[in-house]
Amino acid sequence: MQRPRKVNRYCPFCKKHTVHDLDKMKKKKASELKAGQRRFRRVTAGYKGFPRPKPEGREKTSHRIAIRYTCTICHKTHQPPNIRTKKLDIGEST
């Protein structure tokens, strides 16, 4: 999927349509202090194997991609619900 670098869309803070910059969000590093990660470390410690079964079948063909929009007027960002696509190319503005 190809998207332009700048797009005209509604800004919920300005309450009108303005030009927005697109950014593709990167995945954050998972926190080691979360309950699920602590449980995972406890289960995999020692001589035991991996705690979850191997995935059956195939990998999904598309992934959820988060796009962040930054308003060029008020410089606030908002992020609509994620989209599913195989690949996202953010090109030049048209």
N, C-alpha and C. Protein backbone atom coordinates (compact mmCIF):
# COMPACT_ATOMS: atom_id res chain seq x y z
N MET A 1 0.84 -1.17 0.00
CA MET A 1 0.00 0.00 0.00
C MET A 1 0.89 1.24 0.00
N GLN A 2 0.59 2.18 -0.84
CA GLN A 2 1.37 3.40 -0.93
C GLN A 2 0.55 4.57 -0.41
N ARG A 3 1.16 5.38 0.43
CA ARG A 3 0.51 6.56 0.99
C ARG A 3 1.42 7.76 0.78
N PRO A 4 0.87 8.96 0.54
CA PRO A 4 1.70 10.16 0.42
C PRO A 4 2.23 10.59 1.79
N ARG A 5 3.33 11.33 1.79
CA ARG A 5 3.96 11.79 3.04
C ARG A 5 3.07 12.82 3.75
N LYS A 6 2.42 13.69 2.98
CA LYS A 6 1.51 14.70 3.55
C LYS A 6 0.11 14.46 2.99
N VAL A 7 -0.89 14.58 3.86
CA VAL A 7 -2.26 14.32 3.45
C VAL A 7 -3.18 15.33 4.14
N ASN A 8 -4.23 15.72 3.45
CA ASN A 8 -5.20 16.64 4.03
C ASN A 8 -6.28 15.83 4.73
N ARG A 9 -6.41 16.02 6.05
CA ARG A 9 -7.42 15.27 6.79
C ARG A 9 -7.88 16.06 8.01
N TYR A 10 -8.93 15.58 8.65
CA TYR A 10 -9.55 16.29 9.75
C TYR A 10 -8.68 16.21 11.00
N CYS A 11 -8.44 17.35 11.63
CA CYS A 11 -7.71 17.40 12.89
C CYS A 11 -8.71 17.56 14.03
N PRO A 12 -8.77 16.61 14.97
CA PRO A 12 -9.75 16.71 16.06
C PRO A 12 -9.43 17.82 17.05
N PHE A 13 -8.21 18.35 17.02
CA PHE A 13 -7.83 19.41 17.94
C PHE A 13 -8.13 20.79 17.34
N CYS A 14 -7.84 20.97 16.04
CA CYS A 14 -8.16 22.23 15.34
C CYS A 14 -9.63 22.29 14.96
N LYS A 15 -10.31 21.15 14.92
CA LYS A 15 -11.71 21.03 14.51
C LYS A 15 -11.93 21.45 13.06
N LYS A 16 -10.94 21.21 12.20
CA LYS A 16 -11.08 21.50 10.77
C LYS A 16 -10.08 20.65 10.00
N HIS A 17 -10.20 20.64 8.67
CA HIS A 17 -9.28 19.90 7.83
C HIS A 17 -7.97 20.68 7.68
N THR A 18 -6.85 20.00 7.94
CA THR A 18 -5.53 20.60 7.78
C THR A 18 -4.60 19.58 7.14
N VAL A 19 -3.41 20.02 6.79
CA VAL A 19 -2.40 19.13 6.22
C VAL A 19 -1.73 18.38 7.37
N HIS A 20 -1.59 17.06 7.21
CA HIS A 20 -0.98 16.21 8.23
C HIS A 20 0.24 15.49 7.66
N ASP A 21 1.23 15.26 8.51
CA ASP A 21 2.39 14.43 8.17
C ASP A 21 2.13 13.01 8.64
N LEU A 22 2.53 12.03 7.82
CA LEU A 22 2.35 10.62 8.18
C LEU A 22 3.64 10.07 8.77
N ASP A 23 3.50 9.25 9.81
CA ASP A 23 4.62 8.53 10.40
C ASP A 23 4.18 7.09 10.63
N LYS A 24 5.04 6.16 10.26
CA LYS A 24 4.77 4.76 10.54
C LYS A 24 5.35 4.46 11.92
N MET A 25 4.51 3.93 12.79
CA MET A 25 4.94 3.69 14.17
C MET A 25 5.80 2.44 14.24
N LYS A 26 6.83 2.49 15.07
CA LYS A 26 7.68 1.33 15.32
C LYS A 26 7.24 0.67 16.62
N LYS A 27 7.52 -0.61 16.74
CA LYS A 27 7.14 -1.34 17.93
C LYS A 27 8.07 -0.97 19.08
N LYS A 28 7.46 -0.70 20.24
CA LYS A 28 8.24 -0.38 21.43
C LYS A 28 8.90 -1.63 21.98
N LYS A 29 9.98 -1.45 22.72
CA LYS A 29 10.59 -2.57 23.42
C LYS A 29 9.67 -2.97 24.56
N ALA A 30 9.39 -4.27 24.69
CA ALA A 30 8.49 -4.75 25.73
C ALA A 30 9.12 -4.54 27.10
N SER A 31 8.29 -4.15 28.05
CA SER A 31 8.76 -3.92 29.41
C SER A 31 9.01 -5.26 30.10
N GLU A 32 10.13 -5.36 30.80
CA GLU A 32 10.46 -6.60 31.52
C GLU A 32 9.69 -6.69 32.83
N LEU A 33 9.02 -5.63 33.24
CA LEU A 33 8.34 -5.61 34.53
C LEU A 33 6.86 -5.95 34.42
N LYS A 34 6.33 -6.12 33.20
CA LYS A 34 4.92 -6.46 33.04
C LYS A 34 4.67 -7.90 33.52
N ALA A 35 3.44 -8.16 33.95
CA ALA A 35 3.11 -9.46 34.54
C ALA A 35 3.31 -10.60 33.55
N GLY A 36 2.91 -10.40 32.29
CA GLY A 36 3.07 -11.47 31.29
C GLY A 36 4.52 -11.80 31.03
N GLN A 37 5.38 -10.78 31.00
CA GLN A 37 6.81 -11.02 30.76
C GLN A 37 7.46 -11.69 31.97
N ARG A 38 7.03 -11.31 33.17
CA ARG A 38 7.58 -11.96 34.38
C ARG A 38 7.19 -13.44 34.41
N ARG A 39 5.93 -13.72 34.02
CA ARG A 39 5.47 -15.10 33.97
C ARG A 39 6.26 -15.89 32.92
N PHE A 40 6.50 -15.27 31.76
CA PHE A 40 7.24 -15.93 30.68
C PHE A 40 8.67 -16.25 31.13
N ARG A 41 9.33 -15.31 31.79
CA ARG A 41 10.70 -15.54 32.27
C ARG A 41 10.74 -16.65 33.32
N ARG A 42 9.72 -16.69 34.20
CA ARG A 42 9.69 -17.71 35.24
C ARG A 42 9.48 -19.10 34.63
N VAL A 43 8.61 -19.20 33.61
CA VAL A 43 8.31 -20.49 33.00
C VAL A 43 9.49 -21.00 32.19
N THR A 44 10.20 -20.12 31.48
CA THR A 44 11.30 -20.56 30.63
C THR A 44 12.61 -20.71 31.39
N ALA A 45 12.66 -20.32 32.64
CA ALA A 45 13.89 -20.46 33.41
C ALA A 45 14.15 -21.95 33.70
N GLY A 46 15.41 -22.32 33.76
CA GLY A 46 15.77 -23.70 34.08
C GLY A 46 15.84 -24.58 32.85
N TYR A 47 15.47 -25.85 33.00
CA TYR A 47 15.61 -26.83 31.93
C TYR A 47 14.33 -27.06 31.15
N LYS A 48 13.33 -26.27 31.38
CA LYS A 48 12.06 -26.49 30.68
C LYS A 48 12.12 -25.90 29.28
N GLY A 49 11.18 -26.31 28.45
CA GLY A 49 11.14 -25.82 27.08
C GLY A 49 10.29 -24.56 26.96
N PHE A 50 9.95 -24.25 25.74
CA PHE A 50 9.15 -23.06 25.47
C PHE A 50 7.74 -23.31 25.97
N PRO A 51 7.08 -22.34 26.63
CA PRO A 51 5.80 -22.60 27.29
C PRO A 51 4.59 -22.64 26.35
N ARG A 52 4.74 -22.21 25.11
CA ARG A 52 3.60 -22.17 24.20
C ARG A 52 3.80 -23.15 23.06
N PRO A 53 2.70 -23.69 22.50
CA PRO A 53 2.86 -24.61 21.37
C PRO A 53 3.33 -23.87 20.13
N LYS A 54 3.96 -24.60 19.24
CA LYS A 54 4.39 -24.01 17.97
C LYS A 54 3.15 -23.69 17.14
N PRO A 55 3.14 -22.56 16.43
CA PRO A 55 1.95 -22.20 15.66
C PRO A 55 1.71 -23.18 14.52
N GLU A 56 0.47 -23.63 14.41
CA GLU A 56 0.10 -24.55 13.34
C GLU A 56 -0.32 -23.75 12.11
N GLY A 57 -0.11 -24.32 10.95
CA GLY A 57 -0.55 -23.66 9.72
C GLY A 57 0.48 -22.65 9.23
N ARG A 58 -0.02 -21.57 8.66
CA ARG A 58 0.87 -20.60 8.05
C ARG A 58 0.81 -19.27 8.79
N GLU A 59 1.75 -18.42 8.48
CA GLU A 59 1.76 -17.09 9.05
C GLU A 59 0.71 -16.23 8.34
N LYS A 60 0.18 -15.24 9.03
CA LYS A 60 -0.80 -14.37 8.40
C LYS A 60 -0.14 -13.57 7.29
N THR A 61 -0.90 -13.30 6.24
CA THR A 61 -0.34 -12.61 5.08
C THR A 61 -0.22 -11.11 5.30
N SER A 62 -1.00 -10.56 6.21
CA SER A 62 -0.94 -9.12 6.45
C SER A 62 -0.74 -8.87 7.94
N HIS A 63 -0.21 -7.70 8.25
CA HIS A 63 0.05 -7.32 9.63
C HIS A 63 -0.63 -5.99 9.91
N ARG A 64 -0.89 -5.75 11.18
CA ARG A 64 -1.48 -4.47 11.59
C ARG A 64 -0.39 -3.41 11.60
N ILE A 65 -0.64 -2.33 10.90
CA ILE A 65 0.34 -1.25 10.81
C ILE A 65 -0.29 0.01 11.38
N ALA A 66 0.42 0.62 12.33
CA ALA A 66 -0.07 1.84 12.97
C ALA A 66 0.50 3.05 12.25
N ILE A 67 -0.38 3.98 11.89
CA ILE A 67 0.04 5.23 11.24
C ILE A 67 -0.32 6.38 12.17
N ARG A 68 0.66 7.24 12.43
CA ARG A 68 0.43 8.41 13.28
C ARG A 68 0.37 9.65 12.40
N TYR A 69 -0.65 10.47 12.60
CA TYR A 69 -0.81 11.70 11.84
C TYR A 69 -0.46 12.89 12.73
N THR A 70 0.38 13.79 12.23
CA THR A 70 0.77 14.99 12.97
C THR A 70 0.26 16.21 12.21
N CYS A 71 -0.53 17.03 12.87
CA CYS A 71 -1.07 18.24 12.27
C CYS A 71 0.05 19.26 12.10
N THR A 72 0.10 19.91 10.94
CA THR A 72 1.15 20.89 10.69
C THR A 72 0.82 22.25 11.29
N ILE A 73 -0.43 22.45 11.72
CA ILE A 73 -0.84 23.72 12.31
C ILE A 73 -0.60 23.70 13.82
N CYS A 74 -1.22 22.75 14.52
CA CYS A 74 -1.12 22.70 15.99
C CYS A 74 -0.04 21.73 16.48
N HIS A 75 0.54 20.93 15.58
CA HIS A 75 1.62 19.97 15.88
C HIS A 75 1.20 18.91 16.89
N LYS A 76 -0.10 18.63 16.97
CA LYS A 76 -0.56 17.53 17.82
C LYS A 76 -0.74 16.30 16.95
N THR A 77 -0.59 15.14 17.56
CA THR A 77 -0.69 13.89 16.81
C THR A 77 -1.92 13.12 17.23
N HIS A 78 -2.49 12.38 16.30
CA HIS A 78 -3.56 11.45 16.61
C HIS A 78 -3.36 10.20 15.76
N GLN A 79 -3.88 9.10 16.27
CA GLN A 79 -3.66 7.81 15.63
C GLN A 79 -4.99 7.10 15.48
N PRO A 80 -5.50 7.00 14.24
CA PRO A 80 -6.75 6.27 14.03
C PRO A 80 -6.52 4.76 14.20
N PRO A 81 -7.58 3.97 14.17
CA PRO A 81 -7.40 2.52 14.30
C PRO A 81 -6.44 1.97 13.24
N ASN A 82 -5.70 0.94 13.63
CA ASN A 82 -4.68 0.36 12.76
C ASN A 82 -5.30 -0.28 11.52
N ILE A 83 -4.49 -0.34 10.45
CA ILE A 83 -4.93 -0.97 9.21
C ILE A 83 -4.13 -2.23 8.97
N ARG A 84 -4.72 -3.16 8.23
CA ARG A 84 -4.03 -4.40 7.88
C ARG A 84 -3.52 -4.29 6.46
N THR A 85 -2.23 -4.52 6.27
CA THR A 85 -1.65 -4.52 4.94
C THR A 85 -0.36 -5.31 4.96
N LYS A 86 0.06 -5.78 3.80
CA LYS A 86 1.31 -6.52 3.72
C LYS A 86 2.51 -5.60 3.90
N LYS A 87 2.48 -4.46 3.18
CA LYS A 87 3.61 -3.56 3.22
C LYS A 87 3.08 -2.13 3.07
N LEU A 88 3.73 -1.19 3.73
CA LEU A 88 3.31 0.21 3.66
C LEU A 88 4.49 1.06 3.18
N ASP A 89 4.29 1.76 2.06
CA ASP A 89 5.30 2.67 1.52
C ASP A 89 4.77 4.09 1.66
N ILE A 90 5.50 4.91 2.41
CA ILE A 90 5.14 6.31 2.56
C ILE A 90 6.06 7.09 1.64
N GLY A 91 5.47 7.67 0.58
CA GLY A 91 6.26 8.35 -0.44
C GLY A 91 6.23 9.85 -0.30
N GLU A 92 6.48 10.51 -1.41
CA GLU A 92 6.48 11.97 -1.45
C GLU A 92 5.05 12.48 -1.48
N SER A 93 4.87 13.74 -1.12
CA SER A 93 3.52 14.33 -1.15
C SER A 93 3.11 14.59 -2.59
N THR A 94 1.83 14.40 -2.87
CA THR A 94 1.31 14.61 -4.20
C THR A 94 0.33 15.75 -4.24
